[in-house]
Amino acid sequence: MAPQQPSSQRQWLTLALIAQLGWGAYPVFLRYLQTVSQIPSLSLLAIGNCLVLLLVLAARWRQIEWRIFRLPLLWLFGSLVVLRGITNLLATRYTLATYAQLIYLMTPFIVALLSRLVLREQLPRHTFKALTLCLLGAVLIMSGNLGTVSSETAVARNDWLGISLAVASSLFLALYMLVTRRTERHHASGESLLLVHLTALTLFSGVTSAIFQEDWGHWCHLQPGDWLVFGLFTIGVLLGANLGQLRSIQRLGAPLVSSMMATRLVSALIVGSLLLNEWLSSGWQMLGAIVVFITLTWYLRQGNGRSSRHIYRQPNGKAST
């Protein structure tokens, strides 16, 4: 990677930070659209990903490698994409967005442990220390009550169900990352993998929504504020944050970009307080958030980025979500 001018590097760092903040707001947007806007869950996944899929096809048609659809490994990849997407969607339906984001931030540790168990790779330094501190911080955050607009939502909270789904979603994401690394042997480009990702989610959620006969009539009753949140969800996060993270990784490298991952918690807290009235209500919860932020940032940066490169480097610079 060629040396960059300080001003240029600041621009890419800013883009990387904006992308991470966007992914931090992702669970908040999902929860709002399902529980406040009352959009049926599967139809939300179908329409959101279909819109981005059409934009990607229009912009990247000539760069798509159609041969990868014949690879058996891509069927496994697509299955993990669907499992991750569905559990992620339902987790934010039943529990607070902040809780879901907390669980998702544990994914680097799950990837490291799975790599050790399955691939026999060496654990990054201080994995168990960092994991213990992050779990302690998560317990502190969940120990108090977060303000919430639950009385105004269409779905009653079920934290144990939502947190269990978030844990499953993180596990599927970790497996997804390991399988993605395997696709490098087949020289699959990032654009092609993104196409498989979007296609799998669009088809599965669309067909399943039809099978369960979801009422798509809710889309006709959305208010301007609902459409604004949907636009931020699709164009802002699914397209903008994804491309921003992809480009910043290509310019700055995966270790530096992934070291900003803890800012997702900050974004979830800020956007969650604005849209869902979810906020930290005690000093212990604030302390827990600080512990998670500092520990995760330190863990991903320690060892000259070795652990973050090990966890988040994907073929052709494809960004993880």
C-alpha atoms as a PDB file:
ATOM      1  CA  MET A   1       0.000   0.000   0.000  1.00  0.00           C
ATOM      2  CA  ALA A   2       1.497   3.331  -1.102  1.00  0.00           C
ATOM      3  CA  PRO A   3       2.030   6.037   1.516  1.00  0.00           C
ATOM      4  CA  GLN A   4      -0.841   8.503   1.708  1.00  0.00           C
ATOM      5  CA  GLN A   5      -0.862  12.224   2.355  1.00  0.00           C
ATOM      6  CA  PRO A   6      -2.111  13.138   5.862  1.00  0.00           C
ATOM      7  CA  SER A   7      -5.172  14.931   4.464  1.00  0.00           C
ATOM      8  CA  SER A   8      -6.048  11.962   2.267  1.00  0.00           C
ATOM      9  CA  GLN A   9      -5.663   9.540   5.154  1.00  0.00           C
ATOM     10  CA  ARG A  10      -7.896  11.710   7.346  1.00  0.00           C
ATOM     11  CA  GLN A  11     -10.575  11.564   4.676  1.00  0.00           C
ATOM     12  CA  TRP A  12     -10.454   7.777   4.548  1.00  0.00           C
ATOM     13  CA  LEU A  13     -10.416   7.569   8.343  1.00  0.00           C
ATOM     14  CA  THR A  14     -13.505   9.773   8.406  1.00  0.00           C
ATOM     15  CA  LEU A  15     -15.211   7.555   5.852  1.00  0.00           C
ATOM     16  CA  ALA A  16     -14.314   4.440   7.855  1.00  0.00           C
ATOM     17  CA  LEU A  17     -15.690   6.009  11.032  1.00  0.00           C
ATOM     18  CA  ILE A  18     -18.944   7.007   9.308  1.00  0.00           C
ATOM     19  CA  ALA A  19     -19.323   3.452   7.989  1.00  0.00           C
ATOM     20  CA  GLN A  20     -18.857   1.970  11.463  1.00  0.00           C
ATOM     21  CA  LEU A  21     -21.342   4.425  12.940  1.00  0.00           C
ATOM     22  CA  GLY A  22     -23.781   3.423  10.213  1.00  0.00           C
ATOM     23  CA  TRP A  23     -23.505  -0.255  11.116  1.00  0.00           C
ATOM     24  CA  GLY A  24     -23.955   0.711  14.749  1.00  0.00           C
ATOM     25  CA  ALA A  25     -27.311   2.271  13.911  1.00  0.00           C
ATOM     26  CA  TYR A  26     -28.355  -0.770  11.858  1.00  0.00           C
ATOM     27  CA  PRO A  27     -30.057  -2.680  14.741  1.00  0.00           C
ATOM     28  CA  VAL A  28     -31.854   0.511  15.799  1.00  0.00           C
ATOM     29  CA  PHE A  29     -33.294   1.018  12.318  1.00  0.00           C
ATOM     30  CA  LEU A  30     -34.339  -2.638  12.183  1.00  0.00           C
ATOM     31  CA  ARG A  31     -36.096  -2.449  15.544  1.00  0.00           C
ATOM     32  CA  TYR A  32     -37.810   0.844  14.732  1.00  0.00           C
ATOM     33  CA  LEU A  33     -39.136  -0.320  11.363  1.00  0.00           C
ATOM     34  CA  GLN A  34     -40.479  -3.556  12.836  1.00  0.00           C
ATOM     35  CA  THR A  35     -41.929  -2.335  16.124  1.00  0.00           C
ATOM     36  CA  VAL A  36     -42.839   1.314  15.555  1.00  0.00           C
ATOM     37  CA  SER A  37     -43.461   1.466  11.795  1.00  0.00           C
ATOM     38  CA  GLN A  38     -44.985  -2.042  12.108  1.00  0.00           C
ATOM     39  CA  ILE A  39     -43.493  -3.302   8.846  1.00  0.00           C
ATOM     40  CA  PRO A  40     -43.690  -7.122   8.626  1.00  0.00           C
ATOM     41  CA  SER A  41     -40.206  -8.461   9.333  1.00  0.00           C
ATOM     42  CA  LEU A  42     -39.623 -10.671   6.301  1.00  0.00           C
ATOM     43  CA  SER A  43     -41.007  -8.111   3.862  1.00  0.00           C
ATOM     44  CA  LEU A  44     -38.617  -5.542   5.347  1.00  0.00           C
ATOM     45  CA  LEU A  45     -35.674  -7.840   4.703  1.00  0.00           C
ATOM     46  CA  ALA A  46     -36.906  -8.662   1.200  1.00  0.00           C
ATOM     47  CA  ILE A  47     -37.582  -5.116  -0.010  1.00  0.00           C
ATOM     48  CA  GLY A  48     -34.519  -3.598   1.652  1.00  0.00           C
ATOM     49  CA  ASN A  49     -32.089  -6.092   0.152  1.00  0.00           C
ATOM     50  CA  CYS A  50     -33.884  -6.177  -3.207  1.00  0.00           C
ATOM     51  CA  LEU A  51     -33.520  -2.424  -3.578  1.00  0.00           C
ATOM     52  CA  VAL A  52     -29.786  -2.577  -2.858  1.00  0.00           C
ATOM     53  CA  LEU A  53     -29.431  -5.633  -5.125  1.00  0.00           C
ATOM     54  CA  LEU A  54     -30.901  -3.714  -8.054  1.00  0.00           C
ATOM     55  CA  LEU A  55     -28.531  -0.806  -7.448  1.00  0.00           C
ATOM     56  CA  VAL A  56     -25.518  -3.140  -7.254  1.00  0.00           C
ATOM     57  CA  LEU A  57     -26.545  -4.932 -10.457  1.00  0.00           C
ATOM     58  CA  ALA A  58     -26.937  -1.624 -12.267  1.00  0.00           C
ATOM     59  CA  ALA A  59     -23.530  -0.376 -11.136  1.00  0.00           C
ATOM     60  CA  ARG A  60     -21.476  -3.596 -11.208  1.00  0.00           C
ATOM     61  CA  TRP A  61     -23.043  -5.736 -13.931  1.00  0.00           C
ATOM     62  CA  ARG A  62     -19.833  -6.130 -15.934  1.00  0.00           C
ATOM     63  CA  GLN A  63     -17.682  -6.910 -12.890  1.00  0.00           C
ATOM     64  CA  ILE A  64     -19.847  -9.807 -11.673  1.00  0.00           C
ATOM     65  CA  GLU A  65     -18.290 -13.257 -11.982  1.00  0.00           C
ATOM     66  CA  TRP A  66     -21.304 -15.472 -12.694  1.00  0.00           C
ATOM     67  CA  ARG A  67     -19.182 -18.621 -12.491  1.00  0.00           C
ATOM     68  CA  ILE A  68     -19.173 -18.468  -8.702  1.00  0.00           C
ATOM     69  CA  PHE A  69     -22.835 -19.449  -8.621  1.00  0.00           C
ATOM     70  CA  ARG A  70     -21.707 -22.938  -9.671  1.00  0.00           C
ATOM     71  CA  LEU A  71     -19.419 -23.357  -6.649  1.00  0.00           C
ATOM     72  CA  PRO A  72     -20.824 -25.688  -3.929  1.00  0.00           C
ATOM     73  CA  LEU A  73     -19.138 -23.545  -1.283  1.00  0.00           C
ATOM     74  CA  LEU A  74     -21.347 -20.631  -2.312  1.00  0.00           C
ATOM     75  CA  TRP A  75     -24.448 -22.604  -1.327  1.00  0.00           C
ATOM     76  CA  LEU A  76     -23.054 -22.861   2.193  1.00  0.00           C
ATOM     77  CA  PHE A  77     -22.131 -19.186   2.079  1.00  0.00           C
ATOM     78  CA  GLY A  78     -25.663 -18.248   1.011  1.00  0.00           C
ATOM     79  CA  SER A  79     -27.215 -20.426   3.735  1.00  0.00           C
ATOM     80  CA  LEU A  80     -25.143 -18.707   6.426  1.00  0.00           C
ATOM     81  CA  VAL A  81     -26.110 -15.312   5.007  1.00  0.00           C
ATOM     82  CA  VAL A  82     -29.786 -16.237   5.357  1.00  0.00           C
ATOM     83  CA  LEU A  83     -29.390 -17.623   8.885  1.00  0.00           C
ATOM     84  CA  ARG A  84     -27.439 -14.539   9.962  1.00  0.00           C
ATOM     85  CA  GLY A  85     -29.973 -12.188   8.367  1.00  0.00           C
ATOM     86  CA  ILE A  86     -33.066 -13.829   9.843  1.00  0.00           C
ATOM     87  CA  THR A  87     -31.704 -14.147  13.390  1.00  0.00           C
ATOM     88  CA  ASN A  88     -30.386 -10.581  13.226  1.00  0.00           C
ATOM     89  CA  LEU A  89     -33.803  -9.343  12.111  1.00  0.00           C
ATOM     90  CA  LEU A  90     -35.741 -11.200  14.807  1.00  0.00           C
ATOM     91  CA  ALA A  91     -33.269 -10.342  17.571  1.00  0.00           C
ATOM     92  CA  THR A  92     -33.940  -6.628  17.110  1.00  0.00           C
ATOM     93  CA  ARG A  93     -37.667  -7.344  17.002  1.00  0.00           C
ATOM     94  CA  TYR A  94     -37.740  -8.787  20.511  1.00  0.00           C
ATOM     95  CA  THR A  95     -35.003  -6.999  22.453  1.00  0.00           C
ATOM     96  CA  LEU A  96     -33.450  -3.564  22.677  1.00  0.00           C
ATOM     97  CA  ALA A  97     -31.149  -2.490  19.850  1.00  0.00           C
ATOM     98  CA  THR A  98     -28.389  -1.722  22.361  1.00  0.00           C
ATOM     99  CA  TYR A  99     -28.523  -5.250  23.766  1.00  0.00           C
ATOM    100  CA  ALA A 100     -28.361  -6.734  20.268  1.00  0.00           C
ATOM    101  CA  GLN A 101     -25.401  -4.529  19.314  1.00  0.00           C
ATOM    102  CA  LEU A 102     -23.585  -5.561  22.492  1.00  0.00           C
ATOM    103  CA  ILE A 103     -23.877  -9.209  21.517  1.00  0.00           C
ATOM    104  CA  TYR A 104     -22.746  -8.515  17.949  1.00  0.00           C
ATOM    105  CA  LEU A 105     -19.606  -6.831  19.270  1.00  0.00           C
ATOM    106  CA  MET A 106     -18.590 -10.191  20.743  1.00  0.00           C
ATOM    107  CA  THR A 107     -18.238 -11.666  17.237  1.00  0.00           C
ATOM    108  CA  PRO A 108     -14.421 -11.155  17.048  1.00  0.00           C
ATOM    109  CA  PHE A 109     -14.003 -13.431  20.057  1.00  0.00           C
ATOM    110  CA  ILE A 110     -16.314 -16.076  18.570  1.00  0.00           C
ATOM    111  CA  VAL A 111     -14.336 -16.018  15.317  1.00  0.00           C
ATOM    112  CA  ALA A 112     -11.057 -16.376  17.201  1.00  0.00           C
ATOM    113  CA  LEU A 113     -12.350 -19.336  19.244  1.00  0.00           C
ATOM    114  CA  LEU A 114     -13.858 -21.069  16.206  1.00  0.00           C
ATOM    115  CA  SER A 115     -10.626 -20.576  14.263  1.00  0.00           C
ATOM    116  CA  ARG A 116      -8.783 -22.243  17.123  1.00  0.00           C
ATOM    117  CA  LEU A 117     -11.229 -25.166  17.354  1.00  0.00           C
ATOM    118  CA  VAL A 118     -11.885 -25.730  13.652  1.00  0.00           C
ATOM    119  CA  LEU A 119      -8.789 -24.455  11.840  1.00  0.00           C
ATOM    120  CA  ARG A 120      -6.279 -25.057  14.653  1.00  0.00           C
ATOM    121  CA  GLU A 121      -5.053 -21.469  14.361  1.00  0.00           C
ATOM    122  CA  GLN A 122      -3.349 -19.708  17.239  1.00  0.00           C
ATOM    123  CA  LEU A 123      -5.538 -17.468  19.383  1.00  0.00           C
ATOM    124  CA  PRO A 124      -4.705 -13.756  19.246  1.00  0.00           C
ATOM    125  CA  ARG A 125      -3.000 -12.510  22.399  1.00  0.00           C
ATOM    126  CA  HIS A 126      -5.157 -11.631  25.412  1.00  0.00           C
ATOM    127  CA  THR A 127      -8.329 -13.097  23.875  1.00  0.00           C
ATOM    128  CA  PHE A 128      -9.704 -14.485  27.142  1.00  0.00           C
ATOM    129  CA  LYS A 129      -8.758 -11.369  29.117  1.00  0.00           C
ATOM    130  CA  ALA A 130     -10.506  -9.113  26.629  1.00  0.00           C
ATOM    131  CA  LEU A 131     -13.523 -11.421  26.389  1.00  0.00           C
ATOM    132  CA  THR A 132     -13.890 -11.468  30.181  1.00  0.00           C
ATOM    133  CA  LEU A 133     -13.749  -7.669  30.385  1.00  0.00           C
ATOM    134  CA  CYS A 134     -16.266  -7.243  27.551  1.00  0.00           C
ATOM    135  CA  LEU A 135     -18.665  -9.698  29.175  1.00  0.00           C
ATOM    136  CA  LEU A 136     -18.308  -7.823  32.454  1.00  0.00           C
ATOM    137  CA  GLY A 137     -19.104  -4.560  30.677  1.00  0.00           C
ATOM    138  CA  ALA A 138     -22.130  -6.156  28.981  1.00  0.00           C
ATOM    139  CA  VAL A 139     -23.433  -7.404  32.339  1.00  0.00           C
ATOM    140  CA  LEU A 140     -23.107  -3.892  33.780  1.00  0.00           C
ATOM    141  CA  ILE A 141     -25.065  -2.414  30.874  1.00  0.00           C
ATOM    142  CA  MET A 142     -27.811  -5.028  31.120  1.00  0.00           C
ATOM    143  CA  SER A 143     -27.980  -4.800  34.919  1.00  0.00           C
ATOM    144  CA  GLY A 144     -30.084  -1.640  34.835  1.00  0.00           C
ATOM    145  CA  ASN A 145     -33.227  -0.619  33.027  1.00  0.00           C
ATOM    146  CA  LEU A 146     -32.950   1.185  29.721  1.00  0.00           C
ATOM    147  CA  GLY A 147     -35.620   3.682  28.849  1.00  0.00           C
ATOM    148  CA  THR A 148     -37.771   2.393  26.018  1.00  0.00           C
ATOM    149  CA  VAL A 149     -40.878   3.210  24.039  1.00  0.00           C
ATOM    150  CA  SER A 150     -42.121  -0.355  24.503  1.00  0.00           C
ATOM    151  CA  SER A 151     -45.631   0.907  25.237  1.00  0.00           C
ATOM    152  CA  GLU A 152     -45.749   2.362  21.713  1.00  0.00           C
ATOM    153  CA  THR A 153     -44.373  -0.633  19.830  1.00  0.00           C
ATOM    154  CA  ALA A 154     -46.311  -3.349  18.069  1.00  0.00           C
ATOM    155  CA  VAL A 155     -44.255  -6.185  19.584  1.00  0.00           C
ATOM    156  CA  ALA A 156     -43.789  -6.841  23.286  1.00  0.00           C
ATOM    157  CA  ARG A 157     -40.197  -7.150  24.509  1.00  0.00           C
ATOM    158  CA  ASN A 158     -38.809 -10.587  25.232  1.00  0.00           C
ATOM    159  CA  ASP A 159     -35.173  -9.948  26.143  1.00  0.00           C
ATOM    160  CA  TRP A 160     -34.188 -13.564  26.673  1.00  0.00           C
ATOM    161  CA  LEU A 161     -35.533 -14.538  23.250  1.00  0.00           C
ATOM    162  CA  GLY A 162     -33.997 -11.504  21.573  1.00  0.00           C
ATOM    163  CA  ILE A 163     -30.595 -11.964  23.220  1.00  0.00           C
ATOM    164  CA  SER A 164     -30.598 -15.693  22.356  1.00  0.00           C
ATOM    165  CA  LEU A 165     -31.308 -14.818  18.728  1.00  0.00           C
ATOM    166  CA  ALA A 166     -28.517 -12.209  18.805  1.00  0.00           C
ATOM    167  CA  VAL A 167     -26.076 -14.827  20.122  1.00  0.00           C
ATOM    168  CA  ALA A 168     -27.133 -17.200  17.331  1.00  0.00           C
ATOM    169  CA  SER A 169     -26.741 -14.371  14.817  1.00  0.00           C
ATOM    170  CA  SER A 170     -23.192 -13.679  16.021  1.00  0.00           C
ATOM    171  CA  LEU A 171     -22.351 -17.373  15.730  1.00  0.00           C
ATOM    172  CA  PHE A 172     -23.666 -17.505  12.174  1.00  0.00           C
ATOM    173  CA  LEU A 173     -21.711 -14.331  11.341  1.00  0.00           C
ATOM    174  CA  ALA A 174     -18.532 -15.907  12.697  1.00  0.00           C
ATOM    175  CA  LEU A 175     -19.098 -19.017  10.557  1.00  0.00           C
ATOM    176  CA  TYR A 176     -19.890 -16.749   7.604  1.00  0.00           C
ATOM    177  CA  MET A 177     -16.505 -15.035   8.011  1.00  0.00           C
ATOM    178  CA  LEU A 178     -14.655 -18.350   8.132  1.00  0.00           C
ATOM    179  CA  VAL A 179     -16.434 -19.597   4.998  1.00  0.00           C
ATOM    180  CA  THR A 180     -15.751 -16.279   3.266  1.00  0.00           C
ATOM    181  CA  ARG A 181     -12.037 -16.780   3.876  1.00  0.00           C
ATOM    182  CA  ARG A 182     -12.328 -20.160   2.171  1.00  0.00           C
ATOM    183  CA  THR A 183     -13.824 -18.558  -0.949  1.00  0.00           C
ATOM    184  CA  GLU A 184     -10.475 -16.840  -1.516  1.00  0.00           C
ATOM    185  CA  ARG A 185      -9.179 -20.141  -2.888  1.00  0.00           C
ATOM    186  CA  HIS A 186     -11.713 -19.805  -5.711  1.00  0.00           C
ATOM    187  CA  HIS A 187     -10.726 -16.162  -6.393  1.00  0.00           C
ATOM    188  CA  ALA A 188     -14.267 -14.904  -5.796  1.00  0.00           C
ATOM    189  CA  SER A 189     -14.385 -11.110  -5.945  1.00  0.00           C
ATOM    190  CA  GLY A 190     -15.975  -8.952  -3.288  1.00  0.00           C
ATOM    191  CA  GLU A 191     -18.625  -7.723  -5.742  1.00  0.00           C
ATOM    192  CA  SER A 192     -19.643 -11.294  -6.589  1.00  0.00           C
ATOM    193  CA  LEU A 193     -19.892 -12.313  -2.937  1.00  0.00           C
ATOM    194  CA  LEU A 194     -21.961  -9.222  -2.200  1.00  0.00           C
ATOM    195  CA  LEU A 195     -24.287 -10.210  -5.050  1.00  0.00           C
ATOM    196  CA  VAL A 196     -24.724 -13.698  -3.578  1.00  0.00           C
ATOM    197  CA  HIS A 197     -25.329 -12.133  -0.173  1.00  0.00           C
ATOM    198  CA  LEU A 198     -28.078  -9.825  -1.422  1.00  0.00           C
ATOM    199  CA  THR A 199     -29.654 -12.414  -3.719  1.00  0.00           C
ATOM    200  CA  ALA A 200     -29.899 -15.062  -0.991  1.00  0.00           C
ATOM    201  CA  LEU A 201     -31.553 -12.683   1.471  1.00  0.00           C
ATOM    202  CA  THR A 202     -33.947 -11.234  -1.126  1.00  0.00           C
ATOM    203  CA  LEU A 203     -35.140 -14.600  -2.430  1.00  0.00           C
ATOM    204  CA  PHE A 204     -35.442 -16.365   0.921  1.00  0.00           C
ATOM    205  CA  SER A 205     -37.178 -13.537   2.769  1.00  0.00           C
ATOM    206  CA  GLY A 206     -39.472 -12.778  -0.172  1.00  0.00           C
ATOM    207  CA  VAL A 207     -40.600 -16.393  -0.605  1.00  0.00           C
ATOM    208  CA  THR A 208     -40.930 -16.955   3.145  1.00  0.00           C
ATOM    209  CA  SER A 209     -42.941 -13.759   3.521  1.00  0.00           C
ATOM    210  CA  ALA A 210     -45.350 -15.031   0.864  1.00  0.00           C
ATOM    211  CA  ILE A 211     -45.603 -18.442   2.544  1.00  0.00           C
ATOM    212  CA  PHE A 212     -46.478 -16.859   5.906  1.00  0.00           C
ATOM    213  CA  GLN A 213     -48.826 -14.440   4.128  1.00  0.00           C
ATOM    214  CA  GLU A 214     -47.430 -11.300   5.697  1.00  0.00           C
ATOM    215  CA  ASP A 215     -49.581  -8.228   5.193  1.00  0.00           C
ATOM    216  CA  TRP A 216     -47.617  -6.035   2.810  1.00  0.00           C
ATOM    217  CA  GLY A 217     -50.410  -3.470   3.032  1.00  0.00           C
ATOM    218  CA  HIS A 218     -48.546  -1.885   5.950  1.00  0.00           C
ATOM    219  CA  TRP A 219     -46.169  -0.365   3.395  1.00  0.00           C
ATOM    220  CA  CYS A 220     -49.032   1.765   2.089  1.00  0.00           C
ATOM    221  CA  HIS A 221     -49.600   3.370   5.479  1.00  0.00           C
ATOM    222  CA  LEU A 222     -46.066   4.483   6.282  1.00  0.00           C
ATOM    223  CA  GLN A 223     -45.550   8.081   7.350  1.00  0.00           C
ATOM    224  CA  PRO A 224     -42.773  10.343   5.985  1.00  0.00           C
ATOM    225  CA  GLY A 225     -40.695   9.655   9.112  1.00  0.00           C
ATOM    226  CA  ASP A 226     -40.967   5.913   8.512  1.00  0.00           C
ATOM    227  CA  TRP A 227     -39.792   6.295   4.921  1.00  0.00           C
ATOM    228  CA  LEU A 228     -36.880   8.419   6.131  1.00  0.00           C
ATOM    229  CA  VAL A 229     -35.753   5.667   8.511  1.00  0.00           C
ATOM    230  CA  PHE A 230     -36.204   3.075   5.757  1.00  0.00           C
ATOM    231  CA  GLY A 231     -34.046   5.201   3.438  1.00  0.00           C
ATOM    232  CA  LEU A 232     -31.337   5.444   6.098  1.00  0.00           C
ATOM    233  CA  PHE A 233     -31.582   1.681   6.590  1.00  0.00           C
ATOM    234  CA  THR A 234     -31.263   0.762   2.897  1.00  0.00           C
ATOM    235  CA  ILE A 235     -29.339   3.533   1.143  1.00  0.00           C
ATOM    236  CA  GLY A 236     -27.500   4.724   4.228  1.00  0.00           C
ATOM    237  CA  VAL A 237     -26.446   1.404   5.769  1.00  0.00           C
ATOM    238  CA  LEU A 238     -26.988  -1.555   3.430  1.00  0.00           C
ATOM    239  CA  LEU A 239     -25.456   0.368   0.520  1.00  0.00           C
ATOM    240  CA  GLY A 240     -23.580   3.400   1.850  1.00  0.00           C
ATOM    241  CA  ALA A 241     -21.997   1.955   4.999  1.00  0.00           C
ATOM    242  CA  ASN A 242     -21.151  -1.273   3.187  1.00  0.00           C
ATOM    243  CA  LEU A 243     -19.394   0.525   0.327  1.00  0.00           C
ATOM    244  CA  GLY A 244     -17.755   2.981   2.726  1.00  0.00           C
ATOM    245  CA  GLN A 245     -16.306   0.165   4.784  1.00  0.00           C
ATOM    246  CA  LEU A 246     -15.190  -1.674   1.660  1.00  0.00           C
ATOM    247  CA  ARG A 247     -13.379   1.360   0.228  1.00  0.00           C
ATOM    248  CA  SER A 248     -11.786   2.343   3.516  1.00  0.00           C
ATOM    249  CA  ILE A 249     -10.476  -1.196   4.051  1.00  0.00           C
ATOM    250  CA  GLN A 250      -8.933  -1.117   0.595  1.00  0.00           C
ATOM    251  CA  ARG A 251      -7.196   2.178   1.383  1.00  0.00           C
ATOM    252  CA  LEU A 252      -6.346   1.806   5.066  1.00  0.00           C
ATOM    253  CA  GLY A 253      -6.292  -1.950   5.614  1.00  0.00           C
ATOM    254  CA  ALA A 254      -8.573  -4.209   7.628  1.00  0.00           C
ATOM    255  CA  PRO A 255      -6.691  -3.876  10.969  1.00  0.00           C
ATOM    256  CA  LEU A 256      -7.108  -0.096  11.219  1.00  0.00           C
ATOM    257  CA  VAL A 257     -10.732  -0.072  10.060  1.00  0.00           C
ATOM    258  CA  SER A 258     -11.829  -2.952  12.283  1.00  0.00           C
ATOM    259  CA  SER A 259     -10.178  -1.271  15.293  1.00  0.00           C
ATOM    260  CA  MET A 260     -13.005   1.298  15.068  1.00  0.00           C
ATOM    261  CA  MET A 261     -15.654  -1.368  15.534  1.00  0.00           C
ATOM    262  CA  ALA A 262     -16.383  -0.357  19.140  1.00  0.00           C
ATOM    263  CA  THR A 263     -17.831   2.937  17.874  1.00  0.00           C
ATOM    264  CA  ARG A 264     -20.847   0.902  16.786  1.00  0.00           C
ATOM    265  CA  LEU A 265     -21.925   0.763  20.420  1.00  0.00           C
ATOM    266  CA  VAL A 266     -21.746   4.555  20.654  1.00  0.00           C
ATOM    267  CA  SER A 267     -23.842   4.892  17.508  1.00  0.00           C
ATOM    268  CA  ALA A 268     -26.415   2.366  18.748  1.00  0.00           C
ATOM    269  CA  LEU A 269     -26.779   4.277  22.024  1.00  0.00           C
ATOM    270  CA  ILE A 270     -27.117   7.698  20.373  1.00  0.00           C
ATOM    271  CA  VAL A 271     -29.501   6.695  17.569  1.00  0.00           C
ATOM    272  CA  GLY A 272     -31.408   4.385  19.912  1.00  0.00           C
ATOM    273  CA  SER A 273     -32.033   7.251  22.328  1.00  0.00           C
ATOM    274  CA  LEU A 274     -33.323   9.453  19.492  1.00  0.00           C
ATOM    275  CA  LEU A 275     -35.559   6.919  17.733  1.00  0.00           C
ATOM    276  CA  LEU A 276     -36.514   4.421  20.422  1.00  0.00           C
ATOM    277  CA  ASN A 277     -35.986   6.358  23.645  1.00  0.00           C
ATOM    278  CA  GLU A 278     -33.418   3.763  24.763  1.00  0.00           C
ATOM    279  CA  TRP A 279     -30.714   5.249  26.970  1.00  0.00           C
ATOM    280  CA  LEU A 280     -28.316   4.313  29.726  1.00  0.00           C
ATOM    281  CA  SER A 281     -29.908   5.283  33.023  1.00  0.00           C
ATOM    282  CA  SER A 282     -27.178   4.647  35.610  1.00  0.00           C
ATOM    283  CA  GLY A 283     -23.495   5.200  36.241  1.00  0.00           C
ATOM    284  CA  TRP A 284     -22.874   1.445  36.255  1.00  0.00           C
ATOM    285  CA  GLN A 285     -24.293   1.173  32.749  1.00  0.00           C
ATOM    286  CA  MET A 286     -22.087   4.036  31.567  1.00  0.00           C
ATOM    287  CA  LEU A 287     -19.095   2.295  33.141  1.00  0.00           C
ATOM    288  CA  GLY A 288     -20.024  -0.927  31.340  1.00  0.00           C
ATOM    289  CA  ALA A 289     -20.220   0.861  27.983  1.00  0.00           C
ATOM    290  CA  ILE A 290     -16.800   2.459  28.577  1.00  0.00           C
ATOM    291  CA  VAL A 291     -15.286  -0.924  29.528  1.00  0.00           C
ATOM    292  CA  VAL A 292     -16.629  -2.585  26.362  1.00  0.00           C
ATOM    293  CA  PHE A 293     -15.499   0.305  24.140  1.00  0.00           C
ATOM    294  CA  ILE A 294     -11.953   0.500  25.501  1.00  0.00           C
ATOM    295  CA  THR A 295     -11.420  -3.265  25.766  1.00  0.00           C
ATOM    296  CA  LEU A 296     -12.647  -4.078  22.264  1.00  0.00           C
ATOM    297  CA  THR A 297     -10.663  -1.244  20.691  1.00  0.00           C
ATOM    298  CA  TRP A 298      -7.498  -2.334  22.531  1.00  0.00           C
ATOM    299  CA  TYR A 299      -8.022  -5.997  21.613  1.00  0.00           C
ATOM    300  CA  LEU A 300      -8.453  -5.282  17.905  1.00  0.00           C
ATOM    301  CA  ARG A 301      -5.431  -2.982  17.813  1.00  0.00           C
ATOM    302  CA  GLN A 302      -3.040  -5.021  19.953  1.00  0.00           C
ATOM    303  CA  GLY A 303      -0.294  -7.092  18.373  1.00  0.00           C
ATOM    304  CA  ASN A 304       0.173  -4.560  15.531  1.00  0.00           C
ATOM    305  CA  GLY A 305      -3.275  -5.419  14.211  1.00  0.00           C
ATOM    306  CA  ARG A 306      -2.565  -9.151  13.999  1.00  0.00           C
ATOM    307  CA  SER A 307      -5.825 -10.184  15.627  1.00  0.00           C
ATOM    308  CA  SER A 308      -7.987  -7.819  13.619  1.00  0.00           C
ATOM    309  CA  ARG A 309      -6.324  -8.873  10.401  1.00  0.00           C
ATOM    310  CA  HIS A 310      -6.848 -12.489  11.369  1.00  0.00           C
ATOM    311  CA  ILE A 311     -10.501 -11.906  12.161  1.00  0.00           C
ATOM    312  CA  TYR A 312     -11.706  -9.427   9.599  1.00  0.00           C
ATOM    313  CA  ARG A 313      -9.604  -9.758   6.496  1.00  0.00           C
ATOM    314  CA  GLN A 314     -11.816 -11.058   3.733  1.00  0.00           C
ATOM    315  CA  PRO A 315     -11.054 -11.768   0.062  1.00  0.00           C
ATOM    316  CA  ASN A 316     -10.627  -8.735  -2.151  1.00  0.00           C
ATOM    317  CA  GLY A 317     -11.227  -6.415   0.768  1.00  0.00           C
ATOM    318  CA  LYS A 318     -14.878  -7.369   1.225  1.00  0.00           C
ATOM    319  CA  ALA A 319     -16.256  -5.698   4.338  1.00  0.00           C
ATOM    320  CA  SER A 320     -17.930  -7.641   7.113  1.00  0.00           C
ATOM    321  CA  THR A 321     -21.172  -6.564   8.695  1.00  0.00           C
END
